[in-house]
Amino acid sequence: MSLPISFLNSAYIGLVTICRGNSLSQGVLSSYISNLTTTNFYLYFDKTGDNTTNKIYWFVIGK
């Protein structure tokens, strides 16, 4: 995923969270960020259960 604005020096941390919705049958949901750079990162989302749509929110802090 490309960042909308590049950081000048470094990216410190990337946070990601999942909005589960109302269905309890969604199974296990997990999400994480890797390969964080000043311009982009990889966002992974794993899920078991039904095909309910979930929202993913991310936030990156850098300098």
PDB file of N, CA and C in Angstrom:
ATOM      1  N   MET A   1       0.841  -1.157   0.000  1.00  0.00           N
ATOM      2  CA  MET A   1       0.000   0.000   0.000  1.00  0.00           C
ATOM      3  C   MET A   1       0.898   1.236   0.000  1.00  0.00           C
ATOM      4  N   SER A   2       0.622   2.177  -0.851  1.00  0.00           N
ATOM      5  CA  SER A   2       1.416   3.405  -0.910  1.00  0.00           C
ATOM      6  C   SER A   2       0.877   4.428   0.077  1.00  0.00           C
ATOM      7  N   LEU A   3       1.779   5.102   0.761  1.00  0.00           N
ATOM      8  CA  LEU A   3       1.379   6.172   1.674  1.00  0.00           C
ATOM      9  C   LEU A   3       0.983   7.408   0.854  1.00  0.00           C
ATOM     10  N   PRO A   4      -0.027   8.155   1.291  1.00  0.00           N
ATOM     11  CA  PRO A   4      -0.447   9.335   0.531  1.00  0.00           C
ATOM     12  C   PRO A   4       0.618  10.431   0.499  1.00  0.00           C
ATOM     13  N   ILE A   5       1.438  10.506   1.559  1.00  0.00           N
ATOM     14  CA  ILE A   5       2.544  11.460   1.632  1.00  0.00           C
ATOM     15  C   ILE A   5       3.763  10.704   2.151  1.00  0.00           C
ATOM     16  N   SER A   6       4.903  10.861   1.492  1.00  0.00           N
ATOM     17  CA  SER A   6       6.130  10.177   1.927  1.00  0.00           C
ATOM     18  C   SER A   6       6.721  10.847   3.150  1.00  0.00           C
ATOM     19  N   PHE A   7       7.328  10.047   4.030  1.00  0.00           N
ATOM     20  CA  PHE A   7       8.077  10.594   5.154  1.00  0.00           C
ATOM     21  C   PHE A   7       9.478  10.970   4.673  1.00  0.00           C
ATOM     22  N   LEU A   8      10.073  11.999   5.279  1.00  0.00           N
ATOM     23  CA  LEU A   8      11.396  12.460   4.858  1.00  0.00           C
ATOM     24  C   LEU A   8      12.510  11.510   5.298  1.00  0.00           C
ATOM     25  N   ASN A   9      12.446  11.040   6.567  1.00  0.00           N
ATOM     26  CA  ASN A   9      13.547  10.250   7.108  1.00  0.00           C
ATOM     27  C   ASN A   9      13.201   8.796   7.363  1.00  0.00           C
ATOM     28  N   SER A  10      12.147   8.547   8.102  1.00  0.00           N
ATOM     29  CA  SER A  10      11.817   7.166   8.440  1.00  0.00           C
ATOM     30  C   SER A  10      10.371   7.038   8.887  1.00  0.00           C
ATOM     31  N   ALA A  11       9.860   5.835   8.771  1.00  0.00           N
ATOM     32  CA  ALA A  11       8.550   5.500   9.312  1.00  0.00           C
ATOM     33  C   ALA A  11       8.798   4.727  10.598  1.00  0.00           C
ATOM     34  N   TYR A  12       8.163   5.134  11.698  1.00  0.00           N
ATOM     35  CA  TYR A  12       8.420   4.525  12.997  1.00  0.00           C
ATOM     36  C   TYR A  12       7.525   3.335  13.299  1.00  0.00           C
ATOM     37  N   ILE A  13       6.234   3.500  13.050  1.00  0.00           N
ATOM     38  CA  ILE A  13       5.300   2.448  13.429  1.00  0.00           C
ATOM     39  C   ILE A  13       4.080   2.476  12.518  1.00  0.00           C
ATOM     40  N   GLY A  14       3.535   1.311  12.266  1.00  0.00           N
ATOM     41  CA  GLY A  14       2.293   1.182  11.527  1.00  0.00           C
ATOM     42  C   GLY A  14       1.300   0.409  12.367  1.00  0.00           C
ATOM     43  N   LEU A  15       0.092   0.938  12.496  1.00  0.00           N
ATOM     44  CA  LEU A  15      -0.958   0.303  13.286  1.00  0.00           C
ATOM     45  C   LEU A  15      -2.111  -0.069  12.373  1.00  0.00           C
ATOM     46  N   VAL A  16      -2.729  -1.195  12.639  1.00  0.00           N
ATOM     47  CA  VAL A  16      -3.882  -1.622  11.851  1.00  0.00           C
ATOM     48  C   VAL A  16      -4.904  -2.265  12.789  1.00  0.00           C
ATOM     49  N   THR A  17      -6.175  -2.028  12.497  1.00  0.00           N
ATOM     50  CA  THR A  17      -7.257  -2.636  13.282  1.00  0.00           C
ATOM     51  C   THR A  17      -8.400  -3.002  12.339  1.00  0.00           C
ATOM     52  N   ILE A  18      -9.223  -3.937  12.779  1.00  0.00           N
ATOM     53  CA  ILE A  18     -10.337  -4.435  11.972  1.00  0.00           C
ATOM     54  C   ILE A  18     -11.645  -4.073  12.662  1.00  0.00           C
ATOM     55  N   CYS A  19     -12.588  -3.563  11.885  1.00  0.00           N
ATOM     56  CA  CYS A  19     -13.941  -3.330  12.389  1.00  0.00           C
ATOM     57  C   CYS A  19     -14.747  -4.582  12.055  1.00  0.00           C
ATOM     58  N   ARG A  20     -15.107  -5.347  13.079  1.00  0.00           N
ATOM     59  CA  ARG A  20     -15.721  -6.662  12.919  1.00  0.00           C
ATOM     60  C   ARG A  20     -17.127  -6.642  12.365  1.00  0.00           C
ATOM     61  N   GLY A  21     -17.921  -5.657  12.630  1.00  0.00           N
ATOM     62  CA  GLY A  21     -19.313  -5.674  12.226  1.00  0.00           C
ATOM     63  C   GLY A  21     -20.167  -6.394  13.256  1.00  0.00           C
ATOM     64  N   ASN A  22     -21.387  -6.783  12.885  1.00  0.00           N
ATOM     65  CA  ASN A  22     -22.321  -7.373  13.839  1.00  0.00           C
ATOM     66  C   ASN A  22     -22.392  -8.890  13.809  1.00  0.00           C
ATOM     67  N   SER A  23     -21.809  -9.534  12.825  1.00  0.00           N
ATOM     68  CA  SER A  23     -21.922 -10.977  12.687  1.00  0.00           C
ATOM     69  C   SER A  23     -20.942 -11.688  13.612  1.00  0.00           C
ATOM     70  N   LEU A  24     -21.445 -12.643  14.391  1.00  0.00           N
ATOM     71  CA  LEU A  24     -20.583 -13.440  15.265  1.00  0.00           C
ATOM     72  C   LEU A  24     -20.001 -14.641  14.545  1.00  0.00           C
ATOM     73  N   SER A  25     -20.463 -14.915  13.330  1.00  0.00           N
ATOM     74  CA  SER A  25     -19.997 -16.095  12.599  1.00  0.00           C
ATOM     75  C   SER A  25     -18.818 -15.787  11.684  1.00  0.00           C
ATOM     76  N   GLN A  26     -18.129 -14.685  11.916  1.00  0.00           N
ATOM     77  CA  GLN A  26     -17.027 -14.291  11.043  1.00  0.00           C
ATOM     78  C   GLN A  26     -15.774 -15.110  11.295  1.00  0.00           C
ATOM     79  N   GLY A  27     -15.715 -15.876  12.350  1.00  0.00           N
ATOM     80  CA  GLY A  27     -14.533 -16.673  12.627  1.00  0.00           C
ATOM     81  C   GLY A  27     -13.406 -15.819  13.175  1.00  0.00           C
ATOM     82  N   VAL A  28     -12.182 -16.204  12.844  1.00  0.00           N
ATOM     83  CA  VAL A  28     -10.992 -15.521  13.345  1.00  0.00           C
ATOM     84  C   VAL A  28     -10.537 -14.491  12.320  1.00  0.00           C
ATOM     85  N   LEU A  29     -10.296 -13.261  12.789  1.00  0.00           N
ATOM     86  CA  LEU A  29      -9.810 -12.191  11.927  1.00  0.00           C
ATOM     87  C   LEU A  29      -8.451 -11.736  12.436  1.00  0.00           C
ATOM     88  N   SER A  30      -7.507 -11.532  11.540  1.00  0.00           N
ATOM     89  CA  SER A  30      -6.211 -10.976  11.935  1.00  0.00           C
ATOM     90  C   SER A  30      -5.684 -10.092  10.816  1.00  0.00           C
ATOM     91  N   SER A  31      -4.884  -9.122  11.210  1.00  0.00           N
ATOM     92  CA  SER A  31      -4.347  -8.167  10.259  1.00  0.00           C
ATOM     93  C   SER A  31      -3.009  -7.661  10.776  1.00  0.00           C
ATOM     94  N   TYR A  32      -2.072  -7.418   9.879  1.00  0.00           N
ATOM     95  CA  TYR A  32      -0.779  -6.879  10.291  1.00  0.00           C
ATOM     96  C   TYR A  32      -0.101  -6.140   9.147  1.00  0.00           C
ATOM     97  N   ILE A  33       0.881  -5.323   9.506  1.00  0.00           N
ATOM     98  CA  ILE A  33       1.668  -4.534   8.563  1.00  0.00           C
ATOM     99  C   ILE A  33       3.100  -5.051   8.572  1.00  0.00           C
ATOM    100  N   SER A  34       3.713  -5.121   7.393  1.00  0.00           N
ATOM    101  CA  SER A  34       5.141  -5.478   7.310  1.00  0.00           C
ATOM    102  C   SER A  34       5.815  -4.628   6.240  1.00  0.00           C
ATOM    103  N   ASN A  35       7.142  -4.665   6.219  1.00  0.00           N
ATOM    104  CA  ASN A  35       7.960  -3.939   5.229  1.00  0.00           C
ATOM    105  C   ASN A  35       7.620  -2.454   5.174  1.00  0.00           C
ATOM    106  N   LEU A  36       7.515  -1.828   6.327  1.00  0.00           N
ATOM    107  CA  LEU A  36       7.191  -0.403   6.425  1.00  0.00           C
ATOM    108  C   LEU A  36       8.394   0.437   6.009  1.00  0.00           C
ATOM    109  N   THR A  37       8.205   1.303   5.021  1.00  0.00           N
ATOM    110  CA  THR A  37       9.264   2.199   4.551  1.00  0.00           C
ATOM    111  C   THR A  37       8.747   3.639   4.602  1.00  0.00           C
ATOM    112  N   THR A  38       9.504   4.562   4.058  1.00  0.00           N
ATOM    113  CA  THR A  38       9.071   5.962   4.030  1.00  0.00           C
ATOM    114  C   THR A  38       7.973   6.220   3.002  1.00  0.00           C
ATOM    115  N   THR A  39       7.749   5.276   2.086  1.00  0.00           N
ATOM    116  CA  THR A  39       6.768   5.494   1.016  1.00  0.00           C
ATOM    117  C   THR A  39       5.645   4.465   0.947  1.00  0.00           C
ATOM    118  N   ASN A  40       5.845   3.270   1.524  1.00  0.00           N
ATOM    119  CA  ASN A  40       4.795   2.250   1.419  1.00  0.00           C
ATOM    120  C   ASN A  40       4.934   1.169   2.484  1.00  0.00           C
ATOM    121  N   PHE A  41       3.991   0.230   2.482  1.00  0.00           N
ATOM    122  CA  PHE A  41       4.008  -0.907   3.391  1.00  0.00           C
ATOM    123  C   PHE A  41       3.098  -1.997   2.832  1.00  0.00           C
ATOM    124  N   TYR A  42       3.252  -3.205   3.355  1.00  0.00           N
ATOM    125  CA  TYR A  42       2.364  -4.309   3.019  1.00  0.00           C
ATOM    126  C   TYR A  42       1.354  -4.478   4.146  1.00  0.00           C
ATOM    127  N   LEU A  43       0.087  -4.587   3.798  1.00  0.00           N
ATOM    128  CA  LEU A  43      -0.969  -4.821   4.765  1.00  0.00           C
ATOM    129  C   LEU A  43      -1.565  -6.196   4.477  1.00  0.00           C
ATOM    130  N   TYR A  44      -1.581  -7.060   5.484  1.00  0.00           N
ATOM    131  CA  TYR A  44      -2.104  -8.413   5.340  1.00  0.00           C
ATOM    132  C   TYR A  44      -3.370  -8.568   6.164  1.00  0.00           C
ATOM    133  N   PHE A  45      -4.330  -9.327   5.634  1.00  0.00           N
ATOM    134  CA  PHE A  45      -5.596  -9.588   6.311  1.00  0.00           C
ATOM    135  C   PHE A  45      -5.930 -11.061   6.130  1.00  0.00           C
ATOM    136  N   ASP A  46      -6.083 -11.774   7.229  1.00  0.00           N
ATOM    137  CA  ASP A  46      -6.437 -13.192   7.203  1.00  0.00           C
ATOM    138  C   ASP A  46      -7.768 -13.376   7.912  1.00  0.00           C
ATOM    139  N   LYS A  47      -8.570 -14.321   7.397  1.00  0.00           N
ATOM    140  CA  LYS A  47      -9.885 -14.503   7.982  1.00  0.00           C
ATOM    141  C   LYS A  47     -10.384 -15.920   7.730  1.00  0.00           C
ATOM    142  N   THR A  48     -11.109 -16.459   8.706  1.00  0.00           N
ATOM    143  CA  THR A  48     -11.840 -17.705   8.535  1.00  0.00           C
ATOM    144  C   THR A  48     -13.314 -17.383   8.751  1.00  0.00           C
ATOM    145  N   GLY A  49     -14.207 -18.234   8.342  1.00  0.00           N
ATOM    146  CA  GLY A  49     -15.629 -17.981   8.567  1.00  0.00           C
ATOM    147  C   GLY A  49     -16.329 -17.520   7.303  1.00  0.00           C
ATOM    148  N   ASP A  50     -17.439 -16.824   7.470  1.00  0.00           N
ATOM    149  CA  ASP A  50     -18.253 -16.421   6.324  1.00  0.00           C
ATOM    150  C   ASP A  50     -17.622 -15.276   5.536  1.00  0.00           C
ATOM    151  N   ASN A  51     -18.292 -14.844   4.512  1.00  0.00           N
ATOM    152  CA  ASN A  51     -17.754 -13.803   3.617  1.00  0.00           C
ATOM    153  C   ASN A  51     -18.251 -12.413   3.959  1.00  0.00           C
ATOM    154  N   THR A  52     -18.557 -12.155   5.227  1.00  0.00           N
ATOM    155  CA  THR A  52     -18.998 -10.831   5.646  1.00  0.00           C
ATOM    156  C   THR A  52     -17.906  -9.801   5.371  1.00  0.00           C
ATOM    157  N   THR A  53     -18.292  -8.628   4.905  1.00  0.00           N
ATOM    158  CA  THR A  53     -17.342  -7.558   4.622  1.00  0.00           C
ATOM    159  C   THR A  53     -16.866  -6.916   5.923  1.00  0.00           C
ATOM    160  N   ASN A  54     -15.571  -6.718   6.046  1.00  0.00           N
ATOM    161  CA  ASN A  54     -14.981  -6.058   7.204  1.00  0.00           C
ATOM    162  C   ASN A  54     -14.232  -4.823   6.740  1.00  0.00           C
ATOM    163  N   LYS A  55     -14.199  -3.813   7.600  1.00  0.00           N
ATOM    164  CA  LYS A  55     -13.425  -2.606   7.314  1.00  0.00           C
ATOM    165  C   LYS A  55     -12.086  -2.701   8.038  1.00  0.00           C
ATOM    166  N   ILE A  56     -11.041  -2.237   7.370  1.00  0.00           N
ATOM    167  CA  ILE A  56      -9.700  -2.211   7.960  1.00  0.00           C
ATOM    168  C   ILE A  56      -9.253  -0.753   8.022  1.00  0.00           C
ATOM    169  N   TYR A  57      -8.793  -0.356   9.198  1.00  0.00           N
ATOM    170  CA  TYR A  57      -8.285   1.001   9.395  1.00  0.00           C
ATOM    171  C   TYR A  57      -6.788   0.920   9.683  1.00  0.00           C
ATOM    172  N   TRP A  58      -6.005   1.811   9.086  1.00  0.00           N
ATOM    173  CA  TRP A  58      -4.565   1.820   9.332  1.00  0.00           C
ATOM    174  C   TRP A  58      -4.094   3.239   9.606  1.00  0.00           C
ATOM    175  N   PHE A  59      -2.941   3.319  10.301  1.00  0.00           N
ATOM    176  CA  PHE A  59      -2.358   4.588  10.689  1.00  0.00           C
ATOM    177  C   PHE A  59      -0.853   4.388  10.768  1.00  0.00           C
ATOM    178  N   VAL A  60      -0.076   5.266  10.136  1.00  0.00           N
ATOM    179  CA  VAL A  60       1.385   5.152  10.141  1.00  0.00           C
ATOM    180  C   VAL A  60       1.966   6.454  10.694  1.00  0.00           C
ATOM    181  N   ILE A  61       2.939   6.313  11.589  1.00  0.00           N
ATOM    182  CA  ILE A  61       3.623   7.472  12.181  1.00  0.00           C
ATOM    183  C   ILE A  61       5.066   7.464  11.705  1.00  0.00           C
ATOM    184  N   GLY A  62       5.555   8.621  11.296  1.00  0.00           N
ATOM    185  CA  GLY A  62       6.927   8.731  10.820  1.00  0.00           C
ATOM    186  C   GLY A  62       7.467  10.137  10.983  1.00  0.00           C
ATOM    187  N   LYS A  63       8.651  10.332  10.418  1.00  0.00           N
ATOM    188  CA  LYS A  63       9.343  11.622  10.556  1.00  0.00           C
ATOM    189  C   LYS A  63       9.845  12.063   9.201  1.00  0.00           C
TER     190      LYS A  63
END
